[in-house]
């Protein structure tokens, strides 16, 4: 029993020393990441916005219709054109009546 307790104590101390030896400082961890071809140093991030600010921005974006869910893409408003539909149809008729295809390059 006494030897089991001593063995458990030694195992605990050995495990603690291994864990302590393996713990790295942030600089050592970043260097290990870069040299291990991860090339992703850990960059500390501190937000400048509060949760309330983020929620207000989210609510504004939802009301503007710029938040998407799955295939629910935002509606992009079509730009206005200077020509009316009748003008475009007239332009098409004049182009086909002049047989513009004769003027196209058909190759060698």
PDB file of N, CA and C in Angstrom:
ATOM      1  N   UNK A   1       0.824  -1.185   0.000  1.00  0.00           N
ATOM      2  CA  UNK A   1       0.000   0.000   0.000  1.00  0.00           C
ATOM      3  C   UNK A   1       0.869   1.249   0.000  1.00  0.00           C
ATOM      4  N   UNK A   2       1.908   1.210   0.840  1.00  0.00           N
ATOM      5  CA  UNK A   2       2.791   2.362   0.923  1.00  0.00           C
ATOM      6  C   UNK A   2       3.531   2.554  -0.400  1.00  0.00           C
ATOM      7  N   UNK A   3       3.943   1.462  -1.019  1.00  0.00           N
ATOM      8  CA  UNK A   3       4.653   1.570  -2.300  1.00  0.00           C
ATOM      9  C   UNK A   3       3.724   2.068  -3.408  1.00  0.00           C
ATOM     10  N   UNK A   4       2.445   1.717  -3.352  1.00  0.00           N
ATOM     11  CA  UNK A   4       1.472   2.201  -4.333  1.00  0.00           C
ATOM     12  C   UNK A   4       1.287   3.705  -4.197  1.00  0.00           C
ATOM     13  N   UNK A   5       1.218   4.191  -2.982  1.00  0.00           N
ATOM     14  CA  UNK A   5       1.063   5.626  -2.751  1.00  0.00           C
ATOM     15  C   UNK A   5       2.291   6.385  -3.231  1.00  0.00           C
ATOM     16  N   UNK A   6       3.472   5.830  -2.980  1.00  0.00           N
ATOM     17  CA  UNK A   6       4.707   6.476  -3.441  1.00  0.00           C
ATOM     18  C   UNK A   6       4.758   6.474  -4.965  1.00  0.00           C
ATOM     19  N   UNK A   7       4.348   5.351  -5.564  1.00  0.00           N
ATOM     20  CA  UNK A   7       4.334   5.268  -7.026  1.00  0.00           C
ATOM     21  C   UNK A   7       3.365   6.291  -7.621  1.00  0.00           C
ATOM     22  N   UNK A   8       2.186   6.422  -7.036  1.00  0.00           N
ATOM     23  CA  UNK A   8       1.198   7.392  -7.513  1.00  0.00           C
ATOM     24  C   UNK A   8       1.722   8.813  -7.372  1.00  0.00           C
ATOM     25  N   UNK A   9       2.388   9.101  -6.270  1.00  0.00           N
ATOM     26  CA  UNK A   9       2.955  10.429  -6.058  1.00  0.00           C
ATOM     27  C   UNK A   9       4.038  10.734  -7.084  1.00  0.00           C
ATOM     28  N   UNK A  10       4.914   9.758  -7.338  1.00  0.00           N
ATOM     29  CA  UNK A  10       5.967   9.954  -8.340  1.00  0.00           C
ATOM     30  C   UNK A  10       5.380  10.124  -9.741  1.00  0.00           C
ATOM     31  N   UNK A  11       4.352   9.351 -10.059  1.00  0.00           N
ATOM     32  CA  UNK A  11       3.704   9.479 -11.368  1.00  0.00           C
ATOM     33  C   UNK A  11       3.073  10.856 -11.523  1.00  0.00           C
ATOM     34  N   UNK A  12       2.452  11.354 -10.461  1.00  0.00           N
ATOM     35  CA  UNK A  12       1.842  12.684 -10.497  1.00  0.00           C
ATOM     36  C   UNK A  12       2.900  13.762 -10.682  1.00  0.00           C
ATOM     37  N   UNK A  13       4.001  13.651  -9.954  1.00  0.00           N
ATOM     38  CA  UNK A  13       5.081  14.634 -10.090  1.00  0.00           C
ATOM     39  C   UNK A  13       5.706  14.581 -11.476  1.00  0.00           C
ATOM     40  N   UNK A  14       5.877  13.376 -12.012  1.00  0.00           N
ATOM     41  CA  UNK A  14       6.438  13.236 -13.356  1.00  0.00           C
ATOM     42  C   UNK A  14       5.511  13.847 -14.403  1.00  0.00           C
ATOM     43  N   UNK A  15       4.221  13.581 -14.275  1.00  0.00           N
ATOM     44  CA  UNK A  15       3.246  14.153 -15.207  1.00  0.00           C
ATOM     45  C   UNK A  15       3.236  15.673 -15.113  1.00  0.00           C
ATOM     46  N   UNK A  16       3.280  16.202 -13.909  1.00  0.00           N
ATOM     47  CA  UNK A  16       3.280  17.655 -13.726  1.00  0.00           C
ATOM     48  C   UNK A  16       4.526  18.282 -14.325  1.00  0.00           C
ATOM     49  N   UNK A  17       5.667  17.623 -14.176  1.00  0.00           N
ATOM     50  CA  UNK A  17       6.896  18.186 -14.743  1.00  0.00           C
ATOM     51  C   UNK A  17       6.871  18.133 -16.264  1.00  0.00           C
ATOM     52  N   UNK A  18       6.286  17.084 -16.841  1.00  0.00           N
ATOM     53  CA  UNK A  18       6.181  16.998 -18.311  1.00  0.00           C
ATOM     54  C   UNK A  18       5.253  18.082 -18.837  1.00  0.00           C
ATOM     55  N   UNK A  19       4.109  18.255 -18.189  1.00  0.00           N
ATOM     56  CA  UNK A  19       3.156  19.292 -18.616  1.00  0.00           C
ATOM     57  C   UNK A  19       3.785  20.665 -18.497  1.00  0.00           C
ATOM     58  N   UNK A  20       4.528  20.912 -17.422  1.00  0.00           N
ATOM     59  CA  UNK A  20       5.178  22.201 -17.223  1.00  0.00           C
ATOM     60  C   UNK A  20       6.247  22.432 -18.289  1.00  0.00           C
ATOM     61  N   UNK A  21       6.971  21.387 -18.647  1.00  0.00           N
ATOM     62  CA  UNK A  21       8.018  21.525 -19.658  1.00  0.00           C
ATOM     63  C   UNK A  21       7.414  21.755 -21.038  1.00  0.00           C
ATOM     64  N   UNK A  22       6.217  21.209 -21.271  1.00  0.00           N
ATOM     65  CA  UNK A  22       5.599  21.345 -22.586  1.00  0.00           C
ATOM     66  C   UNK A  22       4.843  22.654 -22.748  1.00  0.00           C
ATOM     67  N   UNK A  23       4.511  23.326 -21.665  1.00  0.00           N
ATOM     68  CA  UNK A  23       3.788  24.583 -21.794  1.00  0.00           C
ATOM     69  C   UNK A  23       4.739  25.645 -22.346  1.00  0.00           C
ATOM     70  N   UNK A  24       4.247  26.384 -23.317  1.00  0.00           N
ATOM     71  CA  UNK A  24       5.086  27.369 -24.001  1.00  0.00           C
ATOM     72  C   UNK A  24       4.559  28.767 -23.740  1.00  0.00           C
ATOM     73  N   UNK A  25       5.439  29.697 -23.876  1.00  0.00           N
ATOM     74  CA  UNK A  25       5.024  31.089 -23.832  1.00  0.00           C
ATOM     75  C   UNK A  25       4.352  31.404 -25.165  1.00  0.00           C
ATOM     76  N   UNK A  26       3.574  32.460 -25.230  1.00  0.00           N
ATOM     77  CA  UNK A  26       2.953  32.812 -26.516  1.00  0.00           C
ATOM     78  C   UNK A  26       3.974  33.019 -27.638  1.00  0.00           C
ATOM     79  N   UNK A  27       5.134  33.590 -27.321  1.00  0.00           N
ATOM     80  CA  UNK A  27       6.171  33.785 -28.347  1.00  0.00           C
ATOM     81  C   UNK A  27       6.683  32.452 -28.862  1.00  0.00           C
ATOM     82  N   UNK A  28       6.931  31.509 -27.942  1.00  0.00           N
ATOM     83  CA  UNK A  28       7.407  30.190 -28.354  1.00  0.00           C
ATOM     84  C   UNK A  28       6.352  29.476 -29.194  1.00  0.00           C
ATOM     85  N   UNK A  29       5.088  29.624 -28.804  1.00  0.00           N
ATOM     86  CA  UNK A  29       4.006  28.987 -29.554  1.00  0.00           C
ATOM     87  C   UNK A  29       3.913  29.571 -30.961  1.00  0.00           C
ATOM     88  N   UNK A  30       4.020  30.901 -31.087  1.00  0.00           N
ATOM     89  CA  UNK A  30       3.973  31.535 -32.402  1.00  0.00           C
ATOM     90  C   UNK A  30       5.141  31.090 -33.268  1.00  0.00           C
ATOM     91  N   UNK A  31       6.335  31.047 -32.682  1.00  0.00           N
ATOM     92  CA  UNK A  31       7.506  30.599 -33.441  1.00  0.00           C
ATOM     93  C   UNK A  31       7.349  29.157 -33.884  1.00  0.00           C
ATOM     94  N   UNK A  32       6.791  28.313 -33.024  1.00  0.00           N
ATOM     95  CA  UNK A  32       6.575  26.911 -33.386  1.00  0.00           C
ATOM     96  C   UNK A  32       5.550  26.803 -34.502  1.00  0.00           C
ATOM     97  N   UNK A  33       4.518  27.626 -34.474  1.00  0.00           N
ATOM     98  CA  UNK A  33       3.513  27.592 -35.538  1.00  0.00           C
ATOM     99  C   UNK A  33       4.115  28.009 -36.869  1.00  0.00           C
ATOM    100  N   UNK A  34       4.915  29.054 -36.862  1.00  0.00           N
ATOM    101  CA  UNK A  34       5.501  29.548 -38.109  1.00  0.00           C
ATOM    102  C   UNK A  34       6.513  28.551 -38.661  1.00  0.00           C
ATOM    103  N   UNK A  35       7.334  27.971 -37.791  1.00  0.00           N
ATOM    104  CA  UNK A  35       8.347  27.042 -38.281  1.00  0.00           C
ATOM    105  C   UNK A  35       7.758  25.685 -38.632  1.00  0.00           C
ATOM    106  N   UNK A  36       6.568  25.382 -38.165  1.00  0.00           N
ATOM    107  CA  UNK A  36       5.930  24.107 -38.492  1.00  0.00           C
ATOM    108  C   UNK A  36       5.110  24.218 -39.769  1.00  0.00           C
ATOM    109  N   UNK A  37       5.363  25.243 -40.561  1.00  0.00           N
ATOM    110  CA  UNK A  37       4.692  25.505 -41.835  1.00  0.00           C
ATOM    111  C   UNK A  37       3.210  25.816 -41.680  1.00  0.00           C
ATOM    112  N   UNK A  38       2.799  26.117 -40.483  1.00  0.00           N
ATOM    113  CA  UNK A  38       1.423  26.561 -40.315  1.00  0.00           C
ATOM    114  C   UNK A  38       1.287  27.998 -40.798  1.00  0.00           C
ATOM    115  N   UNK A  39       2.324  28.777 -40.564  1.00  0.00           N
ATOM    116  CA  UNK A  39       2.376  30.180 -40.973  1.00  0.00           C
ATOM    117  C   UNK A  39       1.200  30.996 -40.452  1.00  0.00           C
ATOM    118  N   UNK A  40       0.640  30.579 -39.347  1.00  0.00           N
ATOM    119  CA  UNK A  40      -0.456  31.317 -38.754  1.00  0.00           C
ATOM    120  C   UNK A  40      -0.087  31.712 -37.329  1.00  0.00           C
ATOM    121  N   UNK A  41       0.587  32.834 -37.160  1.00  0.00           N
ATOM    122  CA  UNK A  41       0.893  33.239 -35.786  1.00  0.00           C
ATOM    123  C   UNK A  41      -0.399  33.594 -35.054  1.00  0.00           C
ATOM    124  N   UNK A  42      -0.414  33.341 -33.798  1.00  0.00           N
ATOM    125  CA  UNK A  42      -1.593  33.641 -32.999  1.00  0.00           C
ATOM    126  C   UNK A  42      -1.553  35.122 -32.662  1.00  0.00           C
ATOM    127  N   UNK A  43      -2.559  35.832 -33.115  1.00  0.00           N
ATOM    128  CA  UNK A  43      -2.616  37.274 -32.922  1.00  0.00           C
ATOM    129  C   UNK A  43      -3.678  37.562 -31.871  1.00  0.00           C
ATOM    130  N   UNK A  44      -3.307  38.196 -30.785  1.00  0.00           N
ATOM    131  CA  UNK A  44      -4.317  38.514 -29.776  1.00  0.00           C
ATOM    132  C   UNK A  44      -5.308  39.530 -30.326  1.00  0.00           C
ATOM    133  N   UNK A  45      -6.570  39.336 -30.007  1.00  0.00           N
ATOM    134  CA  UNK A  45      -7.624  40.202 -30.521  1.00  0.00           C
ATOM    135  C   UNK A  45      -8.385  40.811 -29.359  1.00  0.00           C
ATOM    136  N   UNK A  46      -8.584  42.101 -29.429  1.00  0.00           N
ATOM    137  CA  UNK A  46      -9.379  42.796 -28.431  1.00  0.00           C
ATOM    138  C   UNK A  46     -10.417  43.611 -29.180  1.00  0.00           C
ATOM    139  N   UNK A  47     -11.671  43.293 -28.988  1.00  0.00           N
ATOM    140  CA  UNK A  47     -12.740  43.976 -29.697  1.00  0.00           C
ATOM    141  C   UNK A  47     -12.899  45.401 -29.187  1.00  0.00           C
ATOM    142  N   UNK A  48     -13.213  46.292 -30.099  1.00  0.00           N
ATOM    143  CA  UNK A  48     -13.452  47.683 -29.730  1.00  0.00           C
ATOM    144  C   UNK A  48     -14.946  47.974 -29.632  1.00  0.00           C
ATOM    145  N   UNK A  49     -15.767  46.956 -29.962  1.00  0.00           N
ATOM    146  CA  UNK A  49     -17.219  47.126 -29.917  1.00  0.00           C
ATOM    147  C   UNK A  49     -17.790  46.311 -28.760  1.00  0.00           C
ATOM    148  N   UNK A  50     -18.841  46.833 -28.177  1.00  0.00           N
ATOM    149  CA  UNK A  50     -19.524  46.080 -27.129  1.00  0.00           C
ATOM    150  C   UNK A  50     -20.542  45.147 -27.774  1.00  0.00           C
ATOM    151  N   UNK A  51     -21.079  44.237 -26.989  1.00  0.00           N
ATOM    152  CA  UNK A  51     -22.098  43.322 -27.502  1.00  0.00           C
ATOM    153  C   UNK A  51     -23.317  44.106 -27.987  1.00  0.00           C
ATOM    154  N   UNK A  52     -23.678  45.153 -27.270  1.00  0.00           N
ATOM    155  CA  UNK A  52     -24.822  45.975 -27.660  1.00  0.00           C
ATOM    156  C   UNK A  52     -24.567  46.641 -29.012  1.00  0.00           C
ATOM    157  N   UNK A  53     -23.336  47.104 -29.254  1.00  0.00           N
ATOM    158  CA  UNK A  53     -22.997  47.717 -30.541  1.00  0.00           C
ATOM    159  C   UNK A  53     -23.137  46.709 -31.676  1.00  0.00           C
ATOM    160  N   UNK A  54     -22.654  45.483 -31.440  1.00  0.00           N
ATOM    161  CA  UNK A  54     -22.724  44.445 -32.470  1.00  0.00           C
ATOM    162  C   UNK A  54     -24.173  44.088 -32.765  1.00  0.00           C
ATOM    163  N   UNK A  55     -24.987  43.948 -31.719  1.00  0.00           N
ATOM    164  CA  UNK A  55     -26.397  43.616 -31.926  1.00  0.00           C
ATOM    165  C   UNK A  55     -27.134  44.741 -32.651  1.00  0.00           C
ATOM    166  N   UNK A  56     -26.801  45.988 -32.343  1.00  0.00           N
ATOM    167  CA  UNK A  56     -27.427  47.117 -33.038  1.00  0.00           C
ATOM    168  C   UNK A  56     -27.030  47.124 -34.514  1.00  0.00           C
ATOM    169  N   UNK A  57     -25.761  46.824 -34.800  1.00  0.00           N
ATOM    170  CA  UNK A  57     -25.305  46.765 -36.187  1.00  0.00           C
ATOM    171  C   UNK A  57     -25.985  45.618 -36.938  1.00  0.00           C
ATOM    172  N   UNK A  58     -26.156  44.481 -36.265  1.00  0.00           N
ATOM    173  CA  UNK A  58     -26.844  43.342 -36.870  1.00  0.00           C
ATOM    174  C   UNK A  58     -28.291  43.680 -37.175  1.00  0.00           C
ATOM    175  N   UNK A  59     -28.964  44.327 -36.239  1.00  0.00           N
ATOM    176  CA  UNK A  59     -30.366  44.700 -36.444  1.00  0.00           C
ATOM    177  C   UNK A  59     -30.503  45.670 -37.615  1.00  0.00           C
ATOM    178  N   UNK A  60     -29.578  46.614 -37.723  1.00  0.00           N
ATOM    179  CA  UNK A  60     -29.599  47.569 -38.833  1.00  0.00           C
ATOM    180  C   UNK A  60     -29.386  46.854 -40.164  1.00  0.00           C
ATOM    181  N   UNK A  61     -28.442  45.920 -40.208  1.00  0.00           N
ATOM    182  CA  UNK A  61     -28.170  45.179 -41.441  1.00  0.00           C
ATOM    183  C   UNK A  61     -29.359  44.315 -41.829  1.00  0.00           C
ATOM    184  N   UNK A  62     -30.029  43.722 -40.845  1.00  0.00           N
ATOM    185  CA  UNK A  62     -31.212  42.919 -41.146  1.00  0.00           C
ATOM    186  C   UNK A  62     -32.330  43.786 -41.696  1.00  0.00           C
ATOM    187  N   UNK A  63     -32.511  44.969 -41.140  1.00  0.00           N
ATOM    188  CA  UNK A  63     -33.569  45.851 -41.638  1.00  0.00           C
ATOM    189  C   UNK A  63     -33.234  46.400 -43.022  1.00  0.00           C
ATOM    190  N   UNK A  64     -31.935  46.528 -43.340  1.00  0.00           N
ATOM    191  CA  UNK A  64     -31.530  46.979 -44.673  1.00  0.00           C
ATOM    192  C   UNK A  64     -31.599  45.862 -45.700  1.00  0.00           C
ATOM    193  N   UNK A  65     -31.720  44.609 -45.234  1.00  0.00           N
ATOM    194  CA  UNK A  65     -31.820  43.470 -46.141  1.00  0.00           C
ATOM    195  C   UNK A  65     -30.493  42.987 -46.677  1.00  0.00           C
ATOM    196  N   UNK A  66     -29.404  43.227 -45.968  1.00  0.00           N
ATOM    197  CA  UNK A  66     -28.097  42.795 -46.461  1.00  0.00           C
ATOM    198  C   UNK A  66     -27.585  41.533 -45.770  1.00  0.00           C
ATOM    199  N   UNK A  67     -28.370  40.956 -44.867  1.00  0.00           N
ATOM    200  CA  UNK A  67     -27.996  39.707 -44.204  1.00  0.00           C
ATOM    201  C   UNK A  67     -28.606  38.557 -44.992  1.00  0.00           C
ATOM    202  N   UNK A  68     -27.794  37.540 -45.301  1.00  0.00           N
ATOM    203  CA  UNK A  68     -28.301  36.397 -46.060  1.00  0.00           C
ATOM    204  C   UNK A  68     -28.364  35.169 -45.178  1.00  0.00           C
ATOM    205  N   UNK A  69     -29.294  34.298 -45.507  1.00  0.00           N
ATOM    206  CA  UNK A  69     -29.448  33.011 -44.844  1.00  0.00           C
ATOM    207  C   UNK A  69     -29.569  31.950 -45.917  1.00  0.00           C
ATOM    208  N   UNK A  70     -28.587  31.051 -46.016  1.00  0.00           N
ATOM    209  CA  UNK A  70     -28.669  29.994 -47.021  1.00  0.00           C
ATOM    210  C   UNK A  70     -28.722  30.577 -48.420  1.00  0.00           C
ATOM    211  N   UNK A  71     -29.808  30.318 -49.132  1.00  0.00           N
ATOM    212  CA  UNK A  71     -29.975  30.833 -50.496  1.00  0.00           C
ATOM    213  C   UNK A  71     -30.767  32.133 -50.517  1.00  0.00           C
ATOM    214  N   UNK A  72     -30.993  32.712 -49.389  1.00  0.00           N
ATOM    215  CA  UNK A  72     -31.751  33.943 -49.291  1.00  0.00           C
ATOM    216  C   UNK A  72     -30.817  35.126 -49.538  1.00  0.00           C
ATOM    217  N   UNK A  73     -30.436  35.320 -50.790  1.00  0.00           N
ATOM    218  CA  UNK A  73     -29.485  36.370 -51.135  1.00  0.00           C
ATOM    219  C   UNK A  73     -30.152  37.737 -51.089  1.00  0.00           C
ATOM    220  N   UNK A  74     -29.391  38.771 -50.824  1.00  0.00           N
ATOM    221  CA  UNK A  74     -29.998  40.106 -50.788  1.00  0.00           C
ATOM    222  C   UNK A  74     -30.470  40.523 -52.174  1.00  0.00           C
ATOM    223  N   UNK A  75     -31.505  41.307 -52.192  1.00  0.00           N
ATOM    224  CA  UNK A  75     -32.056  41.788 -53.458  1.00  0.00           C
ATOM    225  C   UNK A  75     -31.209  42.956 -53.931  1.00  0.00           C
ATOM    226  N   UNK A  76     -30.683  42.820 -55.139  1.00  0.00           N
ATOM    227  CA  UNK A  76     -29.890  43.896 -55.727  1.00  0.00           C
ATOM    228  C   UNK A  76     -30.811  44.672 -56.656  1.00  0.00           C
ATOM    229  N   UNK A  77     -30.941  45.923 -56.392  1.00  0.00           N
ATOM    230  CA  UNK A  77     -31.841  46.738 -57.201  1.00  0.00           C
ATOM    231  C   UNK A  77     -31.233  46.985 -58.576  1.00  0.00           C
ATOM    232  N   UNK A  78     -32.068  46.831 -59.590  1.00  0.00           N
ATOM    233  CA  UNK A  78     -31.607  46.983 -60.963  1.00  0.00           C
ATOM    234  C   UNK A  78     -31.382  48.463 -61.275  1.00  0.00           C
ATOM    235  N   UNK A  79     -30.275  48.717 -61.929  1.00  0.00           N
ATOM    236  CA  UNK A  79     -29.963  50.093 -62.304  1.00  0.00           C
ATOM    237  C   UNK A  79     -30.931  50.555 -63.387  1.00  0.00           C
ATOM    238  N   UNK A  80     -31.280  51.816 -63.339  1.00  0.00           N
ATOM    239  CA  UNK A  80     -32.186  52.347 -64.354  1.00  0.00           C
ATOM    240  C   UNK A  80     -31.435  52.521 -65.668  1.00  0.00           C
ATOM    241  N   UNK A  81     -32.163  52.390 -66.756  1.00  0.00           N
ATOM    242  CA  UNK A  81     -31.564  52.521 -68.079  1.00  0.00           C
ATOM    243  C   UNK A  81     -32.081  53.793 -68.742  1.00  0.00           C
ATOM    244  N   UNK A  82     -31.271  54.434 -69.563  1.00  0.00           N
ATOM    245  CA  UNK A  82     -31.738  55.658 -70.218  1.00  0.00           C
ATOM    246  C   UNK A  82     -32.720  55.377 -71.359  1.00  0.00           C
ATOM    247  N   UNK A  83     -32.786  54.114 -71.826  1.00  0.00           N
ATOM    248  CA  UNK A  83     -33.674  53.782 -72.945  1.00  0.00           C
ATOM    249  C   UNK A  83     -34.944  53.120 -72.437  1.00  0.00           C
ATOM    250  N   UNK A  84     -36.028  53.383 -73.141  1.00  0.00           N
ATOM    251  CA  UNK A  84     -37.280  52.705 -72.817  1.00  0.00           C
ATOM    252  C   UNK A  84     -37.332  51.375 -73.568  1.00  0.00           C
ATOM    253  N   UNK A  85     -38.299  50.544 -73.214  1.00  0.00           N
ATOM    254  CA  UNK A  85     -38.446  49.247 -73.876  1.00  0.00           C
ATOM    255  C   UNK A  85     -38.749  49.432 -75.367  1.00  0.00           C
ATOM    256  N   UNK A  86     -39.556  50.410 -75.689  1.00  0.00           N
ATOM    257  CA  UNK A  86     -39.910  50.668 -77.089  1.00  0.00           C
ATOM    258  C   UNK A  86     -38.673  51.077 -77.894  1.00  0.00           C
ATOM    259  N   UNK A  87     -37.800  51.875 -77.306  1.00  0.00           N
ATOM    260  CA  UNK A  87     -36.580  52.290 -78.006  1.00  0.00           C
ATOM    261  C   UNK A  87     -35.658  51.100 -78.265  1.00  0.00           C
ATOM    262  N   UNK A  88     -35.575  50.195 -77.317  1.00  0.00           N
ATOM    263  CA  UNK A  88     -34.731  49.014 -77.497  1.00  0.00           C
ATOM    264  C   UNK A  88     -35.298  48.134 -78.601  1.00  0.00           C
ATOM    265  N   UNK A  89     -36.630  47.953 -78.625  1.00  0.00           N
ATOM    266  CA  UNK A  89     -37.256  47.141 -79.681  1.00  0.00           C
ATOM    267  C   UNK A  89     -37.032  47.771 -81.053  1.00  0.00           C
ATOM    268  N   UNK A  90     -37.148  49.094 -81.139  1.00  0.00           N
ATOM    269  CA  UNK A  90     -36.939  49.791 -82.405  1.00  0.00           C
ATOM    270  C   UNK A  90     -35.492  49.619 -82.873  1.00  0.00           C
ATOM    271  N   UNK A  91     -34.545  49.695 -81.944  1.00  0.00           N
ATOM    272  CA  UNK A  91     -33.132  49.505 -82.262  1.00  0.00           C
ATOM    273  C   UNK A  91     -32.875  48.086 -82.768  1.00  0.00           C
ATOM    274  N   UNK A  92     -33.527  47.118 -82.179  1.00  0.00           N
ATOM    275  CA  UNK A  92     -33.379  45.730 -82.607  1.00  0.00           C
ATOM    276  C   UNK A  92     -33.940  45.530 -84.015  1.00  0.00           C
ATOM    277  N   UNK A  93     -35.099  46.107 -84.287  1.00  0.00           N
ATOM    278  CA  UNK A  93     -35.701  45.976 -85.620  1.00  0.00           C
ATOM    279  C   UNK A  93     -34.822  46.624 -86.687  1.00  0.00           C
ATOM    280  N   UNK A  94     -34.258  47.780 -86.390  1.00  0.00           N
ATOM    281  CA  UNK A  94     -33.412  48.450 -87.383  1.00  0.00           C
ATOM    282  C   UNK A  94     -32.118  47.670 -87.607  1.00  0.00           C
ATOM    283  N   UNK A  95     -31.617  47.028 -86.583  1.00  0.00           N
ATOM    284  CA  UNK A  95     -30.388  46.248 -86.735  1.00  0.00           C
ATOM    285  C   UNK A  95     -30.638  45.016 -87.589  1.00  0.00           C
ATOM    286  N   UNK A  96     -31.779  44.354 -87.416  1.00  0.00           N
ATOM    287  CA  UNK A  96     -32.061  43.156 -88.217  1.00  0.00           C
ATOM    288  C   UNK A  96     -32.452  43.529 -89.633  1.00  0.00           C
ATOM    289  N   UNK A  97     -33.077  44.679 -89.822  1.00  0.00           N
ATOM    290  CA  UNK A  97     -33.465  45.069 -91.177  1.00  0.00           C
ATOM    291  C   UNK A  97     -32.253  45.490 -92.006  1.00  0.00           C
ATOM    292  N   UNK A  98     -31.223  46.011 -91.394  1.00  0.00           N
ATOM    293  CA  UNK A  98     -30.020  46.415 -92.124  1.00  0.00           C
ATOM    294  C   UNK A  98     -29.104  45.234 -92.394  1.00  0.00           C
ATOM    295  N   UNK A  99     -29.490  44.082 -91.900  1.00  0.00           N
ATOM    296  CA  UNK A  99     -28.717  42.856 -92.061  1.00  0.00           C
ATOM    297  C   UNK A  99     -27.268  43.076 -91.626  1.00  0.00           C
ATOM    298  N   UNK A 100     -27.145  43.414 -90.362  1.00  0.00           N
ATOM    299  CA  UNK A 100     -25.831  43.708 -89.808  1.00  0.00           C
ATOM    300  C   UNK A 100     -24.925  42.487 -89.832  1.00  0.00           C
ATOM    301  N   UNK A 101     -25.486  41.305 -90.007  1.00  0.00           N
ATOM    302  CA  UNK A 101     -24.664  40.096 -90.014  1.00  0.00           C
ATOM    303  C   UNK A 101     -23.706  40.075 -91.199  1.00  0.00           C
ATOM    304  N   UNK A 102     -24.024  40.778 -92.250  1.00  0.00           N
ATOM    305  CA  UNK A 102     -23.134  40.837 -93.409  1.00  0.00           C
ATOM    306  C   UNK A 102     -21.829  41.546 -93.059  1.00  0.00           C
ATOM    307  N   UNK A 103     -21.903  42.454 -92.110  1.00  0.00           N
ATOM    308  CA  UNK A 103     -20.714  43.228 -91.776  1.00  0.00           C
ATOM    309  C   UNK A 103     -19.815  42.527 -90.755  1.00  0.00           C
ATOM    310  N   UNK A 104     -20.277  41.432 -90.197  1.00  0.00           N
ATOM    311  CA  UNK A 104     -19.467  40.727 -89.211  1.00  0.00           C
ATOM    312  C   UNK A 104     -18.374  39.923 -89.890  1.00  0.00           C
ATOM    313  N   UNK A 105     -17.276  39.803 -89.220  1.00  0.00           N
ATOM    314  CA  UNK A 105     -16.154  39.030 -89.741  1.00  0.00           C
ATOM    315  C   UNK A 105     -16.465  37.550 -89.572  1.00  0.00           C
ATOM    316  N   UNK A 106     -16.383  36.773 -90.662  1.00  0.00           N
ATOM    317  CA  UNK A 106     -16.722  35.355 -90.618  1.00  0.00           C
ATOM    318  C   UNK A 106     -15.498  34.464 -90.602  1.00  0.00           C
ATOM    319  N   UNK A 107     -14.338  34.995 -90.592  1.00  0.00           N
ATOM    320  CA  UNK A 107     -13.133  34.173 -90.565  1.00  0.00           C
ATOM    321  C   UNK A 107     -12.494  34.085 -91.938  1.00  0.00           C
ATOM    322  N   UNK A 108     -11.385  33.356 -92.036  1.00  0.00           N
ATOM    323  CA  UNK A 108     -10.628  33.276 -93.280  1.00  0.00           C
ATOM    324  C   UNK A 108     -11.236  32.309 -94.255  1.00  0.00           C
TER     325      UNK A 108
END
